[in-house]
Amino acid sequence: MSDATQTASTESHEGQEHPIGLYFKVWTLLFVLSAMSYMVDYMELQGLLRWSLILLFMFLKAGLIIAVFMHFAWEPGTLKVALLLPTLAIVVFIIFIAIEADYIYLNRLEFLAGGK
């Protein structure tokens, strides 16, 4: 990379400022999402709907915090890929482990119940 290109890219990151209004809007949205999460408990929702809504609000809040307050939205695409791919791989790995654990547990129950 030439010195001019490196200097230009360094200057664009150093001089980058985000309007304070953006942070207030995100903070307000986080407050609204937290209130909606509280309403799930207040309305005494149960079962799959309850847990789906709780997880949805949790992921939305976490995404907003990461994107705006941790400045992830303004990072280059390569850094986003470098951070998101391993995270996705870990989530898939955890899902596979949970499926296998359930399979082993059910087989053990069947084996122990069948032997009596």
PDB file of N, CA and C in Angstrom:
ATOM      1  N   MET A   1       0.852  -1.170   0.000  1.00  0.00           N
ATOM      2  CA  MET A   1       0.000   0.000   0.000  1.00  0.00           C
ATOM      3  C   MET A   1       0.898   1.232   0.000  1.00  0.00           C
ATOM      4  N   SER A   2       0.556   2.220  -0.795  1.00  0.00           N
ATOM      5  CA  SER A   2       1.378   3.425  -0.869  1.00  0.00           C
ATOM      6  C   SER A   2       1.159   4.287   0.368  1.00  0.00           C
ATOM      7  N   ASP A   3       2.095   5.215   0.591  1.00  0.00           N
ATOM      8  CA  ASP A   3       1.996   6.095   1.756  1.00  0.00           C
ATOM      9  C   ASP A   3       0.768   6.992   1.678  1.00  0.00           C
ATOM     10  N   ALA A   4       0.420   7.445   0.474  1.00  0.00           N
ATOM     11  CA  ALA A   4      -0.739   8.323   0.305  1.00  0.00           C
ATOM     12  C   ALA A   4      -2.030   7.582   0.640  1.00  0.00           C
ATOM     13  N   THR A   5      -2.143   6.317   0.206  1.00  0.00           N
ATOM     14  CA  THR A   5      -3.339   5.527   0.494  1.00  0.00           C
ATOM     15  C   THR A   5      -3.438   5.230   1.978  1.00  0.00           C
ATOM     16  N   GLN A   6      -2.306   4.889   2.595  1.00  0.00           N
ATOM     17  CA  GLN A   6      -2.310   4.579   4.017  1.00  0.00           C
ATOM     18  C   GLN A   6      -2.665   5.821   4.831  1.00  0.00           C
ATOM     19  N   THR A   7      -2.127   6.986   4.457  1.00  0.00           N
ATOM     20  CA  THR A   7      -2.425   8.224   5.164  1.00  0.00           C
ATOM     21  C   THR A   7      -3.898   8.583   5.013  1.00  0.00           C
ATOM     22  N   ALA A   8      -4.451   8.426   3.807  1.00  0.00           N
ATOM     23  CA  ALA A   8      -5.859   8.761   3.566  1.00  0.00           C
ATOM     24  C   ALA A   8      -6.771   7.858   4.384  1.00  0.00           C
ATOM     25  N   SER A   9      -6.465   6.557   4.453  1.00  0.00           N
ATOM     26  CA  SER A   9      -7.326   5.658   5.212  1.00  0.00           C
ATOM     27  C   SER A   9      -7.210   5.925   6.703  1.00  0.00           C
ATOM     28  N   THR A  10      -6.009   6.302   7.177  1.00  0.00           N
ATOM     29  CA  THR A  10      -5.824   6.621   8.592  1.00  0.00           C
ATOM     30  C   THR A  10      -6.585   7.885   8.953  1.00  0.00           C
ATOM     31  N   GLU A  11      -6.530   8.888   8.078  1.00  0.00           N
ATOM     32  CA  GLU A  11      -7.225  10.140   8.355  1.00  0.00           C
ATOM     33  C   GLU A  11      -8.730   9.955   8.364  1.00  0.00           C
ATOM     34  N   SER A  12      -9.259   9.090   7.513  1.00  0.00           N
ATOM     35  CA  SER A  12     -10.709   8.910   7.462  1.00  0.00           C
ATOM     36  C   SER A  12     -11.225   8.269   8.747  1.00  0.00           C
ATOM     37  N   HIS A  13     -10.414   7.422   9.389  1.00  0.00           N
ATOM     38  CA  HIS A  13     -10.852   6.801  10.641  1.00  0.00           C
ATOM     39  C   HIS A  13     -10.662   7.742  11.833  1.00  0.00           C
ATOM     40  N   GLU A  14      -9.599   8.551  11.800  1.00  0.00           N
ATOM     41  CA  GLU A  14      -9.335   9.443  12.927  1.00  0.00           C
ATOM     42  C   GLU A  14     -10.349  10.579  12.997  1.00  0.00           C
ATOM     43  N   GLY A  15     -10.772  11.091  11.853  1.00  0.00           N
ATOM     44  CA  GLY A  15     -11.671  12.224  11.835  1.00  0.00           C
ATOM     45  C   GLY A  15     -13.141  11.838  11.881  1.00  0.00           C
ATOM     46  N   GLN A  16     -13.428  10.569  12.013  1.00  0.00           N
ATOM     47  CA  GLN A  16     -14.805  10.094  11.957  1.00  0.00           C
ATOM     48  C   GLN A  16     -15.509  10.350  13.287  1.00  0.00           C
ATOM     49  N   GLU A  17     -16.602  11.098  13.214  1.00  0.00           N
ATOM     50  CA  GLU A  17     -17.410  11.352  14.405  1.00  0.00           C
ATOM     51  C   GLU A  17     -18.852  11.017  14.077  1.00  0.00           C
ATOM     52  N   HIS A  18     -19.550  10.527  15.071  1.00  0.00           N
ATOM     53  CA  HIS A  18     -20.948  10.160  14.891  1.00  0.00           C
ATOM     54  C   HIS A  18     -21.811  11.139  15.676  1.00  0.00           C
ATOM     55  N   PRO A  19     -22.938  11.521  15.091  1.00  0.00           N
ATOM     56  CA  PRO A  19     -23.785  12.510  15.772  1.00  0.00           C
ATOM     57  C   PRO A  19     -24.327  11.965  17.091  1.00  0.00           C
ATOM     58  N   ILE A  20     -24.403  12.824  18.081  1.00  0.00           N
ATOM     59  CA  ILE A  20     -24.878  12.428  19.409  1.00  0.00           C
ATOM     60  C   ILE A  20     -26.335  11.974  19.343  1.00  0.00           C
ATOM     61  N   GLY A  21     -27.085  12.517  18.370  1.00  0.00           N
ATOM     62  CA  GLY A  21     -28.487  12.128  18.210  1.00  0.00           C
ATOM     63  C   GLY A  21     -28.650  10.650  17.919  1.00  0.00           C
ATOM     64  N   LEU A  22     -27.694  10.079  17.184  1.00  0.00           N
ATOM     65  CA  LEU A  22     -27.733   8.649  16.891  1.00  0.00           C
ATOM     66  C   LEU A  22     -27.686   7.845  18.175  1.00  0.00           C
ATOM     67  N   TYR A  23     -26.826   8.234  19.092  1.00  0.00           N
ATOM     68  CA  TYR A  23     -26.700   7.511  20.351  1.00  0.00           C
ATOM     69  C   TYR A  23     -27.973   7.639  21.194  1.00  0.00           C
ATOM     70  N   PHE A  24     -28.586   8.813  21.179  1.00  0.00           N
ATOM     71  CA  PHE A  24     -29.834   8.989  21.923  1.00  0.00           C
ATOM     72  C   PHE A  24     -30.965   8.154  21.319  1.00  0.00           C
ATOM     73  N   LYS A  25     -31.006   8.077  19.989  1.00  0.00           N
ATOM     74  CA  LYS A  25     -32.034   7.263  19.336  1.00  0.00           C
ATOM     75  C   LYS A  25     -31.850   5.783  19.660  1.00  0.00           C
ATOM     76  N   VAL A  26     -30.613   5.333  19.622  1.00  0.00           N
ATOM     77  CA  VAL A  26     -30.343   3.928  19.940  1.00  0.00           C
ATOM     78  C   VAL A  26     -30.650   3.661  21.408  1.00  0.00           C
ATOM     79  N   TRP A  27     -30.292   4.578  22.288  1.00  0.00           N
ATOM     80  CA  TRP A  27     -30.579   4.419  23.707  1.00  0.00           C
ATOM     81  C   TRP A  27     -32.091   4.337  23.936  1.00  0.00           C
ATOM     82  N   THR A  28     -32.841   5.180  23.242  1.00  0.00           N
ATOM     83  CA  THR A  28     -34.310   5.136  23.352  1.00  0.00           C
ATOM     84  C   THR A  28     -34.852   3.810  22.830  1.00  0.00           C
ATOM     85  N   LEU A  29     -34.335   3.347  21.709  1.00  0.00           N
ATOM     86  CA  LEU A  29     -34.771   2.064  21.161  1.00  0.00           C
ATOM     87  C   LEU A  29     -34.447   0.916  22.118  1.00  0.00           C
ATOM     88  N   LEU A  30     -33.289   0.970  22.756  1.00  0.00           N
ATOM     89  CA  LEU A  30     -32.944  -0.046  23.757  1.00  0.00           C
ATOM     90  C   LEU A  30     -33.908  -0.012  24.928  1.00  0.00           C
ATOM     91  N   PHE A  31     -34.308   1.183  25.336  1.00  0.00           N
ATOM     92  CA  PHE A  31     -35.284   1.329  26.416  1.00  0.00           C
ATOM     93  C   PHE A  31     -36.628   0.718  26.012  1.00  0.00           C
ATOM     94  N   VAL A  32     -37.060   0.981  24.781  1.00  0.00           N
ATOM     95  CA  VAL A  32     -38.338   0.431  24.290  1.00  0.00           C
ATOM     96  C   VAL A  32     -38.262  -1.091  24.207  1.00  0.00           C
ATOM     97  N   LEU A  33     -37.160  -1.632  23.701  1.00  0.00           N
ATOM     98  CA  LEU A  33     -37.011  -3.090  23.620  1.00  0.00           C
ATOM     99  C   LEU A  33     -36.987  -3.726  25.007  1.00  0.00           C
ATOM    100  N   SER A  34     -36.367  -3.052  25.967  1.00  0.00           N
ATOM    101  CA  SER A  34     -36.358  -3.566  27.339  1.00  0.00           C
ATOM    102  C   SER A  34     -37.770  -3.548  27.930  1.00  0.00           C
ATOM    103  N   ALA A  35     -38.518  -2.500  27.635  1.00  0.00           N
ATOM    104  CA  ALA A  35     -39.907  -2.425  28.111  1.00  0.00           C
ATOM    105  C   ALA A  35     -40.750  -3.533  27.484  1.00  0.00           C
ATOM    106  N   MET A  36     -40.528  -3.799  26.206  1.00  0.00           N
ATOM    107  CA  MET A  36     -41.274  -4.878  25.547  1.00  0.00           C
ATOM    108  C   MET A  36     -40.888  -6.238  26.127  1.00  0.00           C
ATOM    109  N   SER A  37     -39.616  -6.402  26.471  1.00  0.00           N
ATOM    110  CA  SER A  37     -39.171  -7.639  27.105  1.00  0.00           C
ATOM    111  C   SER A  37     -39.833  -7.802  28.470  1.00  0.00           C
ATOM    112  N   TYR A  38     -39.946  -6.706  29.197  1.00  0.00           N
ATOM    113  CA  TYR A  38     -40.634  -6.741  30.489  1.00  0.00           C
ATOM    114  C   TYR A  38     -42.118  -7.077  30.304  1.00  0.00           C
ATOM    115  N   MET A  39     -42.726  -6.568  29.244  1.00  0.00           N
ATOM    116  CA  MET A  39     -44.153  -6.824  28.993  1.00  0.00           C
ATOM    117  C   MET A  39     -44.424  -8.315  28.741  1.00  0.00           C
ATOM    118  N   VAL A  40     -43.440  -9.035  28.217  1.00  0.00           N
ATOM    119  CA  VAL A  40     -43.603 -10.478  28.014  1.00  0.00           C
ATOM    120  C   VAL A  40     -43.884 -11.143  29.359  1.00  0.00           C
ATOM    121  N   ASP A  41     -43.147 -10.745  30.397  1.00  0.00           N
ATOM    122  CA  ASP A  41     -43.387 -11.296  31.737  1.00  0.00           C
ATOM    123  C   ASP A  41     -44.673 -10.748  32.342  1.00  0.00           C
ATOM    124  N   TYR A  42     -44.910  -9.458  32.142  1.00  0.00           N
ATOM    125  CA  TYR A  42     -46.092  -8.825  32.728  1.00  0.00           C
ATOM    126  C   TYR A  42     -47.382  -9.433  32.181  1.00  0.00           C
ATOM    127  N   MET A  43     -47.388  -9.764  30.886  1.00  0.00           N
ATOM    128  CA  MET A  43     -48.578 -10.348  30.270  1.00  0.00           C
ATOM    129  C   MET A  43     -48.661 -11.857  30.507  1.00  0.00           C
ATOM    130  N   GLU A  44     -47.671 -12.402  31.213  1.00  0.00           N
ATOM    131  CA  GLU A  44     -47.644 -13.816  31.587  1.00  0.00           C
ATOM    132  C   GLU A  44     -47.745 -14.753  30.376  1.00  0.00           C
ATOM    133  N   LEU A  45     -47.026 -14.402  29.317  1.00  0.00           N
ATOM    134  CA  LEU A  45     -46.977 -15.286  28.155  1.00  0.00           C
ATOM    135  C   LEU A  45     -46.206 -16.543  28.537  1.00  0.00           C
ATOM    136  N   GLN A  46     -46.577 -17.671  27.946  1.00  0.00           N
ATOM    137  CA  GLN A  46     -45.954 -18.943  28.305  1.00  0.00           C
ATOM    138  C   GLN A  46     -45.526 -19.700  27.056  1.00  0.00           C
ATOM    139  N   GLY A  47     -44.669 -20.675  27.262  1.00  0.00           N
ATOM    140  CA  GLY A  47     -44.296 -21.602  26.202  1.00  0.00           C
ATOM    141  C   GLY A  47     -43.341 -21.025  25.175  1.00  0.00           C
ATOM    142  N   LEU A  48     -43.488 -21.512  23.959  1.00  0.00           N
ATOM    143  CA  LEU A  48     -42.585 -21.148  22.872  1.00  0.00           C
ATOM    144  C   LEU A  48     -42.670 -19.655  22.535  1.00  0.00           C
ATOM    145  N   LEU A  49     -43.859 -19.078  22.599  1.00  0.00           N
ATOM    146  CA  LEU A  49     -44.017 -17.649  22.313  1.00  0.00           C
ATOM    147  C   LEU A  49     -43.198 -16.820  23.292  1.00  0.00           C
ATOM    148  N   ARG A  50     -43.249 -17.142  24.563  1.00  0.00           N
ATOM    149  CA  ARG A  50     -42.507 -16.404  25.596  1.00  0.00           C
ATOM    150  C   ARG A  50     -41.012 -16.421  25.298  1.00  0.00           C
ATOM    151  N   TRP A  51     -40.466 -17.617  25.110  1.00  0.00           N
ATOM    152  CA  TRP A  51     -39.026 -17.737  24.923  1.00  0.00           C
ATOM    153  C   TRP A  51     -38.581 -17.181  23.577  1.00  0.00           C
ATOM    154  N   SER A  52     -39.420 -17.271  22.569  1.00  0.00           N
ATOM    155  CA  SER A  52     -39.086 -16.684  21.276  1.00  0.00           C
ATOM    156  C   SER A  52     -38.991 -15.161  21.381  1.00  0.00           C
ATOM    157  N   LEU A  53     -39.955 -14.557  22.069  1.00  0.00           N
ATOM    158  CA  LEU A  53     -39.940 -13.098  22.226  1.00  0.00           C
ATOM    159  C   LEU A  53     -38.764 -12.646  23.089  1.00  0.00           C
ATOM    160  N   ILE A  54     -38.489 -13.354  24.165  1.00  0.00           N
ATOM    161  CA  ILE A  54     -37.374 -12.984  25.037  1.00  0.00           C
ATOM    162  C   ILE A  54     -36.056 -13.043  24.254  1.00  0.00           C
ATOM    163  N   LEU A  55     -35.863 -14.129  23.498  1.00  0.00           N
ATOM    164  CA  LEU A  55     -34.634 -14.257  22.714  1.00  0.00           C
ATOM    165  C   LEU A  55     -34.559 -13.209  21.609  1.00  0.00           C
ATOM    166  N   LEU A  56     -35.677 -12.920  20.961  1.00  0.00           N
ATOM    167  CA  LEU A  56     -35.697 -11.907  19.915  1.00  0.00           C
ATOM    168  C   LEU A  56     -35.270 -10.547  20.468  1.00  0.00           C
ATOM    169  N   PHE A  57     -35.873 -10.132  21.590  1.00  0.00           N
ATOM    170  CA  PHE A  57     -35.528  -8.844  22.185  1.00  0.00           C
ATOM    171  C   PHE A  57     -34.072  -8.836  22.651  1.00  0.00           C
ATOM    172  N   MET A  58     -33.607  -9.950  23.182  1.00  0.00           N
ATOM    173  CA  MET A  58     -32.219 -10.043  23.643  1.00  0.00           C
ATOM    174  C   MET A  58     -31.248  -9.857  22.481  1.00  0.00           C
ATOM    175  N   PHE A  59     -31.492 -10.567  21.368  1.00  0.00           N
ATOM    176  CA  PHE A  59     -30.604 -10.458  20.216  1.00  0.00           C
ATOM    177  C   PHE A  59     -30.668  -9.068  19.582  1.00  0.00           C
ATOM    178  N   LEU A  60     -31.840  -8.465  19.530  1.00  0.00           N
ATOM    179  CA  LEU A  60     -31.948  -7.109  18.984  1.00  0.00           C
ATOM    180  C   LEU A  60     -31.164  -6.104  19.822  1.00  0.00           C
ATOM    181  N   LYS A  61     -31.296  -6.198  21.145  1.00  0.00           N
ATOM    182  CA  LYS A  61     -30.564  -5.279  22.020  1.00  0.00           C
ATOM    183  C   LYS A  61     -29.059  -5.498  21.912  1.00  0.00           C
ATOM    184  N   ALA A  62     -28.637  -6.748  21.915  1.00  0.00           N
ATOM    185  CA  ALA A  62     -27.204  -7.036  21.802  1.00  0.00           C
ATOM    186  C   ALA A  62     -26.656  -6.544  20.461  1.00  0.00           C
ATOM    187  N   GLY A  63     -27.411  -6.741  19.398  1.00  0.00           N
ATOM    188  CA  GLY A  63     -26.980  -6.286  18.080  1.00  0.00           C
ATOM    189  C   GLY A  63     -26.838  -4.772  18.014  1.00  0.00           C
ATOM    190  N   LEU A  64     -27.796  -4.056  18.590  1.00  0.00           N
ATOM    191  CA  LEU A  64     -27.708  -2.594  18.608  1.00  0.00           C
ATOM    192  C   LEU A  64     -26.501  -2.115  19.405  1.00  0.00           C
ATOM    193  N   ILE A  65     -26.268  -2.732  20.542  1.00  0.00           N
ATOM    194  CA  ILE A  65     -25.136  -2.327  21.378  1.00  0.00           C
ATOM    195  C   ILE A  65     -23.824  -2.575  20.646  1.00  0.00           C
ATOM    196  N   ILE A  66     -23.699  -3.740  20.041  1.00  0.00           N
ATOM    197  CA  ILE A  66     -22.467  -4.063  19.315  1.00  0.00           C
ATOM    198  C   ILE A  66     -22.287  -3.148  18.110  1.00  0.00           C
ATOM    199  N   ALA A  67     -23.347  -2.942  17.337  1.00  0.00           N
ATOM    200  CA  ALA A  67     -23.241  -2.157  16.103  1.00  0.00           C
ATOM    201  C   ALA A  67     -22.935  -0.692  16.366  1.00  0.00           C
ATOM    202  N   VAL A  68     -23.619  -0.085  17.323  1.00  0.00           N
ATOM    203  CA  VAL A  68     -23.494   1.362  17.504  1.00  0.00           C
ATOM    204  C   VAL A  68     -22.505   1.725  18.600  1.00  0.00           C
ATOM    205  N   PHE A  69     -22.709   1.215  19.810  1.00  0.00           N
ATOM    206  CA  PHE A  69     -21.866   1.635  20.921  1.00  0.00           C
ATOM    207  C   PHE A  69     -20.456   1.050  20.850  1.00  0.00           C
ATOM    208  N   MET A  70     -20.308  -0.108  20.220  1.00  0.00           N
ATOM    209  CA  MET A  70     -18.974  -0.685  20.050  1.00  0.00           C
ATOM    210  C   MET A  70     -18.420  -0.391  18.649  1.00  0.00           C
ATOM    211  N   HIS A  71     -19.134   0.433  17.879  1.00  0.00           N
ATOM    212  CA  HIS A  71     -18.709   0.929  16.565  1.00  0.00           C
ATOM    213  C   HIS A  71     -18.473  -0.173  15.534  1.00  0.00           C
ATOM    214  N   PHE A  72     -19.136  -1.303  15.700  1.00  0.00           N
ATOM    215  CA  PHE A  72     -18.953  -2.418  14.766  1.00  0.00           C
ATOM    216  C   PHE A  72     -19.536  -2.099  13.396  1.00  0.00           C
ATOM    217  N   ALA A  73     -20.551  -1.264  13.338  1.00  0.00           N
ATOM    218  CA  ALA A  73     -21.198  -0.923  12.063  1.00  0.00           C
ATOM    219  C   ALA A  73     -20.250  -0.170  11.137  1.00  0.00           C
ATOM    220  N   TRP A  74     -19.239   0.494  11.691  1.00  0.00           N
ATOM    221  CA  TRP A  74     -18.334   1.298  10.885  1.00  0.00           C
ATOM    222  C   TRP A  74     -16.994   0.594  10.626  1.00  0.00           C
ATOM    223  N   GLU A  75     -16.897  -0.667  10.993  1.00  0.00           N
ATOM    224  CA  GLU A  75     -15.660  -1.416  10.755  1.00  0.00           C
ATOM    225  C   GLU A  75     -15.626  -1.907   9.306  1.00  0.00           C
ATOM    226  N   PRO A  76     -14.439  -2.164   8.779  1.00  0.00           N
ATOM    227  CA  PRO A  76     -14.348  -2.708   7.413  1.00  0.00           C
ATOM    228  C   PRO A  76     -14.937  -4.116   7.336  1.00  0.00           C
ATOM    229  N   GLY A  77     -15.359  -4.495   6.148  1.00  0.00           N
ATOM    230  CA  GLY A  77     -16.013  -5.783   5.944  1.00  0.00           C
ATOM    231  C   GLY A  77     -15.163  -6.975   6.338  1.00  0.00           C
ATOM    232  N   THR A  78     -13.848  -6.876   6.119  1.00  0.00           N
ATOM    233  CA  THR A  78     -12.979  -8.009   6.456  1.00  0.00           C
ATOM    234  C   THR A  78     -12.944  -8.256   7.954  1.00  0.00           C
ATOM    235  N   LEU A  79     -12.969  -7.202   8.742  1.00  0.00           N
ATOM    236  CA  LEU A  79     -12.980  -7.375  10.198  1.00  0.00           C
ATOM    237  C   LEU A  79     -14.300  -7.978  10.657  1.00  0.00           C
ATOM    238  N   LYS A  80     -15.396  -7.553  10.023  1.00  0.00           N
ATOM    239  CA  LYS A  80     -16.696  -8.124  10.374  1.00  0.00           C
ATOM    240  C   LYS A  80     -16.708  -9.628  10.106  1.00  0.00           C
ATOM    241  N   VAL A  81     -16.189 -10.027   8.956  1.00  0.00           N
ATOM    242  CA  VAL A  81     -16.138 -11.452   8.610  1.00  0.00           C
ATOM    243  C   VAL A  81     -15.239 -12.197   9.584  1.00  0.00           C
ATOM    244  N   ALA A  82     -14.096 -11.597   9.915  1.00  0.00           N
ATOM    245  CA  ALA A  82     -13.145 -12.246  10.827  1.00  0.00           C
ATOM    246  C   ALA A  82     -13.730 -12.441  12.217  1.00  0.00           C
ATOM    247  N   LEU A  83     -14.660 -11.593  12.620  1.00  0.00           N
ATOM    248  CA  LEU A  83     -15.279 -11.730  13.940  1.00  0.00           C
ATOM    249  C   LEU A  83     -16.547 -12.572  13.907  1.00  0.00           C
ATOM    250  N   LEU A  84     -17.325 -12.462  12.841  1.00  0.00           N
ATOM    251  CA  LEU A  84     -18.609 -13.148  12.800  1.00  0.00           C
ATOM    252  C   LEU A  84     -18.510 -14.629  12.436  1.00  0.00           C
ATOM    253  N   LEU A  85     -17.591 -14.999  11.556  1.00  0.00           N
ATOM    254  CA  LEU A  85     -17.484 -16.407  11.155  1.00  0.00           C
ATOM    255  C   LEU A  85     -17.113 -17.333  12.309  1.00  0.00           C
ATOM    256  N   PRO A  86     -16.098 -17.023  13.117  1.00  0.00           N
ATOM    257  CA  PRO A  86     -15.826 -17.899  14.258  1.00  0.00           C
ATOM    258  C   PRO A  86     -16.975 -17.953  15.258  1.00  0.00           C
ATOM    259  N   THR A  87     -17.643 -16.821  15.454  1.00  0.00           N
ATOM    260  CA  THR A  87     -18.790 -16.801  16.365  1.00  0.00           C
ATOM    261  C   THR A  87     -19.901 -17.706  15.843  1.00  0.00           C
ATOM    262  N   LEU A  88     -20.172 -17.630  14.556  1.00  0.00           N
ATOM    263  CA  LEU A  88     -21.181 -18.490  13.945  1.00  0.00           C
ATOM    264  C   LEU A  88     -20.775 -19.954  14.046  1.00  0.00           C
ATOM    265  N   ALA A  89     -19.502 -20.248  13.837  1.00  0.00           N
ATOM    266  CA  ALA A  89     -19.014 -21.626  13.939  1.00  0.00           C
ATOM    267  C   ALA A  89     -19.205 -22.166  15.354  1.00  0.00           C
ATOM    268  N   ILE A  90     -18.963 -21.342  16.354  1.00  0.00           N
ATOM    269  CA  ILE A  90     -19.155 -21.765  17.748  1.00  0.00           C
ATOM    270  C   ILE A  90     -20.623 -22.042  18.022  1.00  0.00           C
ATOM    271  N   VAL A  91     -21.507 -21.194  17.524  1.00  0.00           N
ATOM    272  CA  VAL A  91     -22.952 -21.407  17.731  1.00  0.00           C
ATOM    273  C   VAL A  91     -23.398 -22.713  17.079  1.00  0.00           C
ATOM    274  N   VAL A  92     -22.953 -22.976  15.861  1.00  0.00           N
ATOM    275  CA  VAL A  92     -23.303 -24.220  15.180  1.00  0.00           C
ATOM    276  C   VAL A  92     -22.760 -25.415  15.958  1.00  0.00           C
ATOM    277  N   PHE A  93     -21.539 -25.308  16.462  1.00  0.00           N
ATOM    278  CA  PHE A  93     -20.936 -26.374  17.253  1.00  0.00           C
ATOM    279  C   PHE A  93     -21.753 -26.645  18.520  1.00  0.00           C
ATOM    280  N   ILE A  94     -22.195 -25.596  19.190  1.00  0.00           N
ATOM    281  CA  ILE A  94     -23.009 -25.755  20.396  1.00  0.00           C
ATOM    282  C   ILE A  94     -24.337 -26.431  20.061  1.00  0.00           C
ATOM    283  N   ILE A  95     -24.935 -26.076  18.939  1.00  0.00           N
ATOM    284  CA  ILE A  95     -26.195 -26.706  18.518  1.00  0.00           C
ATOM    285  C   ILE A  95     -25.979 -28.196  18.270  1.00  0.00           C
ATOM    286  N   PHE A  96     -24.898 -28.544  17.570  1.00  0.00           N
ATOM    287  CA  PHE A  96     -24.591 -29.964  17.333  1.00  0.00           C
ATOM    288  C   PHE A  96     -24.373 -30.715  18.639  1.00  0.00           C
ATOM    289  N   ILE A  97     -23.669 -30.116  19.576  1.00  0.00           N
ATOM    290  CA  ILE A  97     -23.422 -30.763  20.868  1.00  0.00           C
ATOM    291  C   ILE A  97     -24.737 -30.967  21.614  1.00  0.00           C
ATOM    292  N   ALA A  98     -25.625 -29.971  21.575  1.00  0.00           N
ATOM    293  CA  ALA A  98     -26.915 -30.096  22.261  1.00  0.00           C
ATOM    294  C   ALA A  98     -27.758 -31.203  21.648  1.00  0.00           C
ATOM    295  N   ILE A  99     -27.750 -31.314  20.327  1.00  0.00           N
ATOM    296  CA  ILE A  99     -28.509 -32.374  19.652  1.00  0.00           C
ATOM    297  C   ILE A  99     -27.963 -33.745  20.034  1.00  0.00           C
ATOM    298  N   GLU A 100     -26.653 -33.876  20.028  1.00  0.00           N
ATOM    299  CA  GLU A 100     -26.065 -35.169  20.383  1.00  0.00           C
ATOM    300  C   GLU A 100     -26.296 -35.506  21.853  1.00  0.00           C
ATOM    301  N   ALA A 101     -26.228 -34.502  22.725  1.00  0.00           N
ATOM    302  CA  ALA A 101     -26.479 -34.746  24.146  1.00  0.00           C
ATOM    303  C   ALA A 101     -27.900 -35.235  24.364  1.00  0.00           C
ATOM    304  N   ASP A 102     -28.851 -34.645  23.664  1.00  0.00           N
ATOM    305  CA  ASP A 102     -30.242 -35.078  23.771  1.00  0.00           C
ATOM    306  C   ASP A 102     -30.393 -36.513  23.263  1.00  0.00           C
ATOM    307  N   TYR A 103     -29.739 -36.835  22.167  1.00  0.00           N
ATOM    308  CA  TYR A 103     -29.779 -38.177  21.595  1.00  0.00           C
ATOM    309  C   TYR A 103     -29.209 -39.204  22.583  1.00  0.00           C
ATOM    310  N   ILE A 104     -28.074 -38.897  23.178  1.00  0.00           N
ATOM    311  CA  ILE A 104     -27.453 -39.814  24.138  1.00  0.00           C
ATOM    312  C   ILE A 104     -28.335 -39.973  25.372  1.00  0.00           C
ATOM    313  N   TYR A 105     -28.885 -38.874  25.854  1.00  0.00           N
ATOM    314  CA  TYR A 105     -29.756 -38.930  27.032  1.00  0.00           C
ATOM    315  C   TYR A 105     -30.967 -39.816  26.773  1.00  0.00           C
ATOM    316  N   LEU A 106     -31.617 -39.640  25.620  1.00  0.00           N
ATOM    317  CA  LEU A 106     -32.793 -40.450  25.303  1.00  0.00           C
ATOM    318  C   LEU A 106     -32.424 -41.926  25.124  1.00  0.00           C
ATOM    319  N   ASN A 107     -31.271 -42.209  24.529  1.00  0.00           N
ATOM    320  CA  ASN A 107     -30.827 -43.603  24.392  1.00  0.00           C
ATOM    321  C   ASN A 107     -30.546 -44.235  25.746  1.00  0.00           C
ATOM    322  N   ARG A 108     -29.956 -43.495  26.643  1.00  0.00           N
ATOM    323  CA  ARG A 108     -29.690 -44.028  27.985  1.00  0.00           C
ATOM    324  C   ARG A 108     -30.988 -44.295  28.731  1.00  0.00           C
ATOM    325  N   LEU A 109     -31.954 -43.393  28.602  1.00  0.00           N
ATOM    326  CA  LEU A 109     -33.252 -43.631  29.247  1.00  0.00           C
ATOM    327  C   LEU A 109     -33.901 -44.890  28.701  1.00  0.00           C
ATOM    328  N   GLU A 110     -33.864 -45.048  27.393  1.00  0.00           N
ATOM    329  CA  GLU A 110     -34.459 -46.225  26.769  1.00  0.00           C
ATOM    330  C   GLU A 110     -33.732 -47.493  27.180  1.00  0.00           C
ATOM    331  N   PHE A 111     -32.425 -47.452  27.225  1.00  0.00           N
ATOM    332  CA  PHE A 111     -31.627 -48.619  27.597  1.00  0.00           C
ATOM    333  C   PHE A 111     -31.863 -48.993  29.058  1.00  0.00           C
ATOM    334  N   LEU A 112     -31.886 -48.013  29.940  1.00  0.00           N
ATOM    335  CA  LEU A 112     -32.085 -48.292  31.358  1.00  0.00           C
ATOM    336  C   LEU A 112     -33.512 -48.736  31.648  1.00  0.00           C
ATOM    337  N   ALA A 113     -34.479 -48.144  30.968  1.00  0.00           N
ATOM    338  CA  ALA A 113     -35.873 -48.522  31.185  1.00  0.00           C
ATOM    339  C   ALA A 113     -36.163 -49.898  30.587  1.00  0.00           C
ATOM    340  N   GLY A 114     -35.520 -50.217  29.463  1.00  0.00           N
ATOM    341  CA  GLY A 114     -35.741 -51.497  28.815  1.00  0.00           C
ATOM    342  C   GLY A 114     -35.097 -52.651  29.535  1.00  0.00           C
ATOM    343  N   GLY A 115     -34.058 -52.386  30.321  1.00  0.00           N
ATOM    344  CA  GLY A 115     -33.334 -53.453  31.019  1.00  0.00           C
ATOM    345  C   GLY A 115     -34.016 -53.917  32.282  1.00  0.00           C
ATOM    346  N   LYS A 116     -35.002 -53.219  32.771  1.00  0.00           N
ATOM    347  CA  LYS A 116     -35.658 -53.579  34.037  1.00  0.00           C
ATOM    348  C   LYS A 116     -36.797 -54.516  33.839  1.00  0.00           C
TER     349      LYS A 116
END
